[in-house]
Protein backbone atom coordinates (compact mmCIF):
# COMPACT_ATOMS: atom_id res chain seq x y z
CA MET A 1 69.31 74.57 81.10
CA LYS A 2 68.03 76.19 84.16
CA SER A 3 64.16 75.83 84.51
CA GLN A 4 62.28 79.32 83.73
CA ILE A 5 59.44 78.61 86.09
CA TYR A 6 59.14 81.29 88.97
CA LYS A 7 57.03 81.95 91.62
CA ASP A 8 55.72 84.53 93.71
CA THR A 9 57.65 85.20 97.00
CA GLU A 10 57.74 88.02 99.59
CA LEU A 11 61.24 89.92 97.46
CA GLY A 12 59.04 89.40 93.81
CA ARG A 13 58.99 86.99 91.44
CA LEU A 14 61.84 84.33 90.98
CA PRO A 15 62.87 80.79 89.81
CA LYS A 16 61.51 77.85 91.19
CA GLU A 17 64.30 76.51 92.19
CA TRP A 18 65.36 79.55 94.61
CA GLU A 19 64.29 80.59 98.21
CA VAL A 20 64.36 82.84 100.31
CA ALA A 21 66.27 83.48 103.38
CA LYS A 22 66.41 85.97 106.01
CA PHE A 23 69.99 87.55 106.89
CA ALA A 24 69.57 86.38 110.97
CA ASP A 25 68.85 83.11 109.86
CA ASN A 26 72.07 82.36 108.53
CA PHE A 27 74.86 85.16 109.43
CA GLU A 28 75.61 86.83 112.86
CA TYR A 29 77.78 89.15 113.25
CA ALA A 30 80.88 90.24 115.32
CA LYS A 31 81.48 94.11 115.79
CA GLY A 32 85.51 95.31 115.83
CA LYS A 33 86.78 96.96 118.99
CA LYS A 34 89.50 99.38 119.66
CA PRO A 35 93.10 97.72 119.92
CA ASN A 36 95.55 98.30 122.90
CA GLU A 37 97.76 99.86 120.71
CA VAL A 38 98.06 101.10 116.73
CA ALA A 39 101.49 102.03 115.27
CA ASP A 40 102.60 103.96 111.82
CA GLU A 41 105.16 101.17 111.72
CA ARG A 42 104.59 97.08 112.09
CA LYS A 43 105.97 95.40 115.23
CA SER A 44 106.01 92.37 117.27
CA ASN A 45 102.43 90.58 116.93
CA PHE A 46 100.71 93.78 115.55
CA LEU A 47 98.40 92.78 112.07
CA PRO A 48 97.41 95.74 109.21
CA TYR A 49 94.89 97.42 110.84
CA LEU A 50 91.51 97.40 108.79
CA SER A 51 90.77 100.90 107.99
CA THR A 52 88.31 101.58 104.83
CA GLU A 53 91.58 103.61 103.21
CA TYR A 54 93.14 99.51 102.73
CA LEU A 55 90.24 97.69 102.30
CA ARG A 56 89.19 100.55 99.32
CA GLU A 57 92.73 101.36 98.10
CA ASN A 58 95.31 98.90 99.39
CA ILE A 59 96.88 101.40 101.37
CA LEU A 60 98.23 100.54 104.16
CA THR A 61 99.03 103.20 106.93
CA LYS A 62 98.38 101.55 110.14
CA PHE A 63 99.27 98.35 112.07
CA ALA A 64 97.33 97.12 115.39
CA ASP A 65 98.39 94.84 118.29
CA PHE A 66 96.01 91.61 117.83
CA SER A 67 96.18 91.05 121.90
CA GLU A 68 93.20 89.23 122.98
CA GLY A 69 89.73 90.62 122.72
CA VAL A 70 90.13 92.01 119.18
CA GLU A 71 88.44 90.79 115.83
CA VAL A 72 91.34 89.22 113.91
CA VAL A 73 90.49 88.59 110.16
CA ALA A 74 91.01 86.17 107.32
CA ASP A 75 91.60 86.91 104.01
CA GLY A 76 88.04 87.39 102.16
CA GLU A 77 85.77 87.08 105.24
CA LEU A 78 83.49 89.65 104.68
CA ILE A 79 83.10 93.18 105.99
CA LEU A 80 80.61 95.50 106.67
CA LEU A 81 81.23 99.38 107.60
CA TRP A 82 78.78 99.61 110.64
CA ASP A 83 79.95 103.49 111.50
CA GLY A 84 80.26 106.66 109.82
CA SER A 85 78.94 108.82 106.86
CA ASN A 86 79.43 105.30 103.98
CA ALA A 87 78.05 103.19 107.12
CA GLY A 88 76.85 99.95 105.02
CA GLU A 89 79.09 99.50 102.62
CA ILE A 90 79.81 95.85 102.40
CA PHE A 91 84.45 94.77 101.38
CA TYR A 92 85.96 91.80 101.07
CA GLY A 93 88.76 90.95 104.02
CA LYS A 94 92.37 91.37 104.28
CA LYS A 95 94.29 89.93 106.91
CA GLY A 96 94.11 91.88 109.90
CA VAL A 97 92.56 93.46 112.74
CA LEU A 98 88.78 94.62 112.56
CA SER A 99 88.96 98.30 113.02
CA SER A 100 86.06 98.92 116.07
CA THR A 101 83.66 100.84 113.39
CA MET A 102 83.61 98.02 111.26
CA VAL A 103 81.60 94.10 111.92
CA LYS A 104 82.47 91.04 110.29
CA ILE A 105 79.50 88.56 109.03
CA LYS A 106 80.32 84.98 109.99
CA GLN A 107 77.73 82.39 108.08
CA LYS A 108 75.39 80.58 110.06
CA THR A 109 75.04 77.73 107.72
CA ASP A 110 76.07 76.82 104.80
CA LYS A 111 73.50 77.87 102.37
CA PHE A 112 75.30 81.26 100.93
CA GLN A 113 78.79 80.89 98.60
CA THR A 114 81.09 83.70 100.23
CA ASN A 115 81.67 85.80 96.86
CA PHE A 116 77.60 85.54 95.89
CA LEU A 117 76.97 87.13 99.19
CA PHE A 118 79.59 89.39 98.51
CA TYR A 119 78.19 90.46 95.46
CA LEU A 120 74.00 89.84 96.81
CA LEU A 121 75.25 92.14 100.09
CA LYS A 122 76.82 95.15 97.72
CA SER A 123 73.29 95.06 95.43
CA LYS A 124 71.57 95.85 98.86
CA GLN A 125 74.16 98.49 99.59
CA ASP A 126 72.10 101.53 98.81
CA TYR A 127 69.20 100.20 100.83
CA LEU A 128 70.95 99.97 103.78
CA GLN A 129 73.05 102.93 103.72
CA SER A 130 69.27 104.53 102.68
CA GLN A 131 68.45 102.82 106.50
CA THR A 132 71.19 104.11 109.18
CA LYS A 133 70.25 105.19 112.35
CA GLY A 134 72.02 108.19 114.35
CA THR A 135 71.95 111.79 114.17
CA GLY A 136 75.61 112.37 114.99
CA ILE A 137 77.62 109.42 113.25
CA PRO A 138 75.62 107.12 111.70
CA HIS A 139 75.51 103.56 112.05
CA VAL A 140 73.70 100.41 110.75
CA SER A 141 70.55 99.42 111.49
CA GLY A 142 70.70 96.33 113.23
CA ASN A 143 67.15 95.88 112.94
CA VAL A 144 66.79 96.18 109.53
CA LEU A 145 70.34 93.72 109.25
CA ASP A 146 68.51 91.33 110.75
CA ASN A 147 65.83 91.39 109.18
CA LEU A 148 67.26 92.02 105.40
CA LEU A 149 65.01 89.01 102.86
CA LEU A 150 67.64 87.88 100.75
CA PRO A 151 67.54 85.65 97.32
CA LEU A 152 68.87 82.69 97.77
CA PRO A 153 69.47 79.93 94.68
CA PRO A 154 70.57 76.65 94.47
CA LEU A 155 74.87 76.38 95.31
CA SER A 156 75.44 75.68 91.47
CA GLU A 157 74.26 78.69 90.50
CA GLN A 158 75.24 81.10 93.16
CA GLN A 159 79.05 79.60 92.16
CA LYS A 160 78.08 80.53 88.40
CA ILE A 161 76.88 83.94 89.04
CA SER A 162 80.27 84.52 91.24
CA GLU A 163 82.11 83.69 88.61
CA ILE A 164 80.33 85.60 85.46
CA LEU A 165 80.49 88.67 88.16
CA SER A 166 84.07 88.08 88.99
CA THR A 167 85.55 87.93 85.68
CA VAL A 168 84.22 91.34 84.86
CA ASP A 169 85.57 92.69 88.31
CA SER A 170 88.92 91.16 87.20
CA ALA A 171 88.45 92.99 83.42
CA ILE A 172 88.04 96.40 85.82
CA GLN A 173 90.62 96.54 88.15
CA LYS A 174 92.79 95.56 84.98
CA THR A 175 91.84 99.19 83.64
CA ASP A 176 92.34 100.19 87.21
CA GLU A 177 95.66 99.28 87.27
CA ILE A 178 96.84 100.46 83.69
CA LEU A 179 94.74 104.15 85.15
CA ALA A 180 97.29 103.97 87.71
CA LYS A 181 100.75 103.40 85.53
CA THR A 182 99.29 105.73 82.83
CA GLU A 183 98.52 108.27 85.26
CA ARG A 184 102.64 107.83 87.02
CA LEU A 185 103.42 107.93 83.67
CA LYS A 186 101.67 111.37 83.03
CA LYS A 187 103.13 112.82 86.47
CA GLY A 188 106.38 112.08 85.50
CA ALA A 189 106.24 113.37 81.91
CA MET A 190 105.19 116.39 83.14
CA GLN A 191 107.56 116.58 85.89
CA LYS A 192 110.43 116.47 82.92
CA LEU A 193 108.94 117.37 79.99
CA LEU A 194 107.70 121.26 82.29
CA ALA A 195 111.44 121.73 83.77
CA LYS A 196 113.74 120.06 81.17
CA GLY A 197 112.43 120.61 77.99
CA ILE A 198 112.72 118.04 75.55
CA GLY A 199 116.46 117.74 73.93
CA HIS A 200 118.44 120.29 76.44
CA LYS A 201 121.53 120.15 77.41
CA GLU A 202 121.84 123.89 79.36
CA PHE A 203 120.16 124.86 81.48
CA LYS A 204 120.32 128.12 83.80
CA ASP A 205 118.20 129.20 87.71
CA THR A 206 115.16 130.76 87.35
CA GLU A 207 112.11 132.28 89.57
CA ILE A 208 110.58 129.50 89.09
CA GLY A 209 113.50 127.13 89.37
CA ARG A 210 116.09 125.69 87.32
CA LEU A 211 115.10 125.99 83.42
CA PRO A 212 116.45 125.07 80.10
CA LYS A 213 118.72 128.15 79.29
CA GLU A 214 116.41 129.05 75.40
CA TRP A 215 113.18 129.29 77.64
CA GLU A 216 111.96 132.40 78.94
CA VAL A 217 110.20 132.93 82.42
CA VAL A 218 106.97 135.74 82.41
CA LYS A 219 104.78 137.02 84.14
CA LEU A 220 101.22 135.67 83.57
CA GLY A 221 99.69 139.37 83.14
CA LYS A 222 102.09 140.21 80.88
CA ILE A 223 100.54 137.60 78.40
CA SER A 224 97.19 137.70 79.27
CA GLU A 225 93.92 140.06 80.05
CA LEU A 226 92.42 139.12 83.23
CA LYS A 227 88.72 139.48 83.87
CA ASN A 228 86.42 138.31 86.23
CA GLY A 229 83.13 136.28 85.66
CA ILE A 230 79.07 137.50 85.26
CA ASN A 231 76.95 137.85 88.45
CA PHE A 232 73.62 137.87 88.58
CA SER A 233 70.04 136.65 90.61
CA LYS A 234 69.11 133.15 90.98
CA ILE A 235 65.84 134.79 89.00
CA GLN A 236 67.98 135.29 85.80
CA LYS A 237 69.56 131.47 86.01
CA ALA A 238 66.35 129.81 83.46
CA GLU A 239 66.67 128.14 80.60
CA GLY A 240 66.98 129.59 76.97
CA GLY A 241 69.35 132.26 78.24
CA LEU A 242 73.48 132.51 77.82
CA PRO A 243 75.20 128.52 78.73
CA THR A 244 77.15 129.64 81.84
CA ILE A 245 80.46 127.37 82.71
CA ASP A 246 80.22 127.45 86.71
CA VAL A 247 82.63 126.10 89.23
CA LEU A 248 81.59 122.51 88.35
CA ASN A 249 82.06 122.32 85.62
CA MET A 250 86.33 122.98 85.82
CA TYR A 251 86.94 120.04 87.93
CA GLY A 252 87.57 116.96 85.65
CA ASN A 253 90.08 115.05 84.16
CA SER A 254 90.51 116.92 81.16
CA ILE A 255 92.48 120.29 80.44
CA TYR A 256 89.30 121.38 78.72
CA ALA A 257 85.89 122.78 80.61
CA ASP A 258 83.27 120.56 81.22
CA LEU A 259 80.72 121.75 77.95
CA SER A 260 78.10 119.07 78.61
CA SER A 261 76.16 120.30 81.70
CA LEU A 262 76.11 123.80 81.51
CA TYR A 263 72.89 125.92 83.29
CA SER A 264 72.06 128.57 81.48
CA VAL A 265 71.38 132.61 82.74
CA GLN A 266 68.71 135.51 80.93
CA ILE A 267 71.43 138.20 80.38
CA ASN A 268 72.39 141.12 77.54
CA LEU A 269 76.16 140.86 76.79
CA GLU A 270 75.71 142.82 73.38
CA SER A 271 77.40 145.65 75.27
CA ASN A 272 80.00 143.09 77.28
CA SER A 273 81.04 140.98 74.59
CA ASP A 274 84.67 139.98 77.09
CA PHE A 275 82.19 137.97 79.21
CA VAL A 276 81.77 135.70 75.68
CA LEU A 277 84.28 132.89 75.95
CA LYS A 278 86.91 132.81 73.41
CA ASN A 279 88.50 129.55 72.04
CA GLY A 280 91.47 129.26 74.03
CA ASP A 281 90.25 131.35 76.98
CA ILE A 282 92.02 129.65 80.60
CA LEU A 283 89.81 129.39 82.82
CA PHE A 284 90.60 130.30 86.89
CA VAL A 285 88.56 129.25 90.14
CA ARG A 286 88.53 132.25 91.99
CA SER A 287 86.50 130.77 94.95
CA SER A 288 86.84 127.89 95.99
CA MET A 289 85.21 125.92 99.53
CA LYS A 290 88.55 123.88 99.82
CA ARG A 291 92.23 125.37 99.42
CA GLU A 292 93.35 123.48 97.08
CA GLY A 293 90.41 123.88 94.29
CA ALA A 294 91.92 127.97 94.27
CA GLY A 295 92.99 129.04 90.96
CA TRP A 296 92.60 125.42 89.71
CA ALA A 297 92.72 126.12 85.89
CA CYS A 298 91.32 124.45 82.54
CA LEU A 299 90.85 125.59 79.30
CA PHE A 300 87.97 126.94 77.22
CA LYS A 301 86.88 125.02 73.73
CA GLU A 302 85.12 126.56 70.68
CA ASN A 303 81.64 125.56 71.05
CA GLU A 304 78.57 126.63 68.94
CA LYS A 305 77.12 128.16 70.61
CA ARG A 306 78.07 131.54 72.86
CA VAL A 307 79.14 130.40 76.35
CA THR A 308 79.94 133.07 79.71
CA PHE A 309 81.48 131.92 82.73
CA CYS A 310 80.15 132.86 86.31
CA GLY A 311 81.35 135.27 89.29
CA PHE A 312 83.61 132.37 90.49
CA ILE A 313 85.50 132.06 87.83
CA ILE A 314 88.49 134.87 86.67
CA ARG A 315 89.47 134.60 82.64
CA ALA A 316 92.60 135.07 81.02
CA ARG A 317 92.70 135.86 77.57
CA LEU A 318 96.05 135.42 76.26
CA THR A 319 97.28 138.75 74.41
CA THR A 320 100.27 137.28 72.45
CA ASN A 321 100.97 134.53 69.53
CA LYS A 322 103.93 133.36 71.64
CA ILE A 323 102.05 130.81 74.10
CA ILE A 324 100.22 127.94 73.34
CA PRO A 325 97.16 127.54 75.52
CA GLU A 326 97.35 123.84 76.01
CA PHE A 327 100.82 123.83 76.96
CA ILE A 328 100.57 127.10 79.45
CA THR A 329 97.69 125.03 81.05
CA TYR A 330 99.31 121.79 81.60
CA PHE A 331 101.74 124.32 83.60
CA LEU A 332 99.26 125.60 85.45
CA ARG A 333 98.28 122.43 86.63
CA SER A 334 101.78 121.10 87.59
CA PRO A 335 102.86 120.26 90.71
CA LYS A 336 104.78 123.49 91.12
CA ALA A 337 102.17 125.72 89.80
CA ARG A 338 99.70 124.69 92.24
CA LYS A 339 102.02 125.01 95.17
CA ILE A 340 102.40 128.98 94.23
CA ILE A 341 99.23 129.37 93.17
CA ILE A 342 97.54 127.65 96.47
CA ALA A 343 100.19 129.94 98.85
CA ASN A 344 99.22 132.77 97.18
CA ALA A 345 95.41 132.16 98.00
CA GLY A 346 93.64 134.03 100.84
CA GLN A 347 90.81 131.89 103.06
CA VAL A 348 88.13 133.70 105.85
CA GLY A 349 86.16 130.92 105.02
CA ILE A 350 85.83 130.57 100.84
CA ALA A 351 90.05 129.90 99.55
CA ASN A 352 89.75 132.90 97.24
CA ILE A 353 92.62 134.25 94.10
CA ASN A 354 92.09 137.64 92.57
CA GLN A 355 93.07 139.32 89.49
CA ASN A 356 96.36 140.44 91.31
CA ALA A 357 98.05 136.89 92.28
CA LEU A 358 97.11 135.28 89.14
CA SER A 359 98.86 138.60 86.87
CA ASN A 360 102.22 137.57 89.08
CA LEU A 361 102.47 134.33 88.65
CA ASN A 362 105.43 133.82 86.49
CA VAL A 363 105.04 131.22 84.02
CA PRO A 364 107.47 129.18 81.19
CA LEU A 365 107.97 130.47 77.81
CA PRO A 366 109.84 127.67 76.14
CA PRO A 367 110.18 128.35 71.41
CA LEU A 368 106.86 127.70 70.14
CA PRO A 369 107.68 124.76 68.54
CA GLU A 370 108.94 123.33 71.92
CA GLN A 371 105.78 124.34 73.57
CA GLN A 372 103.86 122.38 70.86
CA LYS A 373 105.73 118.88 70.96
CA ILE A 374 105.17 119.11 74.93
CA ALA A 375 101.63 119.84 74.62
CA GLU A 376 101.02 116.93 71.57
CA ILE A 377 102.84 114.45 74.33
CA LEU A 378 101.05 114.77 77.62
CA SER A 379 97.58 115.23 75.83
CA THR A 380 98.60 112.26 73.98
CA ILE A 381 98.75 110.47 77.42
CA ASP A 382 95.38 112.48 78.16
CA GLY A 383 93.86 110.45 75.61
CA LYS A 384 95.08 107.02 76.77
CA LEU A 385 93.36 108.01 80.05
CA GLU A 386 90.40 108.95 78.84
CA GLN A 387 90.24 105.50 76.76
CA GLU A 388 90.55 103.70 80.02
CA ARG A 389 88.36 105.43 82.02
CA ARG A 390 85.92 105.27 79.22
CA ARG A 391 86.62 101.46 79.14
CA LYS A 392 86.17 101.43 83.34
CA GLU A 393 82.73 102.99 82.84
CA LYS A 394 81.42 101.06 80.03
CA LEU A 395 82.58 97.85 82.41
CA GLU A 396 81.15 98.78 85.09
CA ARG A 397 77.45 99.63 83.41
CA VAL A 398 77.63 95.74 82.38
CA LYS A 399 78.29 94.85 86.07
CA LYS A 400 75.54 96.62 87.45
CA GLY A 401 73.46 95.73 84.75
CA LEU A 402 74.56 91.90 85.36
CA MET A 403 74.04 92.28 88.55
CA ASN A 404 70.27 93.49 88.41
CA GLU A 405 69.54 90.53 85.95
CA LEU A 406 71.91 87.28 87.86
CA LEU A 407 71.28 88.07 91.42
CA THR A 408 67.11 88.50 90.52
CA GLY A 409 67.13 85.23 88.39
CA ARG A 410 65.66 87.28 85.49
CA LYS A 411 68.64 85.60 83.56
CA ARG A 412 69.46 82.26 84.58
CA VAL A 413 73.53 80.66 84.10
CA SER A 414 73.25 76.90 83.32
């Protein structure tokens, strides 16, 4: 059992066996240099080029000549992003050529175990990022890094702490793998179900590609009534008003709009009830800073309170019972529909889609039972994705709590 006796230090109260170490006394760092050549494909005497994309997401897109002068990294060495908007971010390195925007951390002593140091620097990441210098391209402050004070437990305790945190990280990684696999499953299911349906053998050419012979194709404007949202002044945006869906409530993973963080608008809609949303209304982002966001669709699920929608959103209210809102929303989020919608979005500074473009959008209309089955299949996959996302969020909360306890000595390991 570890001692529960603590002492006062520059870092606050720490276990009596722990020391306080200055970064500069224990580490040095080597900055990457621009390689002579960077290529899209591997060549002789080339190694992976360590971009942030590769280190974060394992997506390898560039290779670099490791000629004299470049800094080569081995698997597991620690890398600090030195320049850029995310300067101060810490990574485990991979075998490759260090980017000129990064530094490799080298130990001058044998006091720190590498994995423990990784978690320790991760815990200091927000601080390093808050202390970056430079008005153009921000960079890590060498002075701040050199003078960084670090808690230093005995090596045996460092090892146990890193093992505990690595176990949680492994669980997070497995969850990420399940999420990626399920996302691929959903993508394949959408491509198949929204083009080939269920159990069809005969197909026909349509305005939106080959579809089952029994399916119809209709204009969105023929099956729905479109309306722009409300406009209001800043002074009307106040508590106690009508909950209002904004563009930021539209971009979640679910096909349903996020109703957990609506702002309120002081407005009387007694004579304009069309602005009050109904269950199954389809919402489109009318204006987006990015072209890819224009026309993004989601569904409104009935709420206990009356809810309206802002002027940057277009509402489509179905006028027929021949179509299931969930089915049409999945179609509107499909790559095929997104490509058409984005192509019809105008952009002068901000990307916009208008009612006319949406009204003329061709959508598939399978028989109602088939729509229901397709929507249920895709909804089941979405449910699995949501379950894994919540699991990941829980694991990340656990990890954060453990880091706060273990890296400060408030919780000891034996």
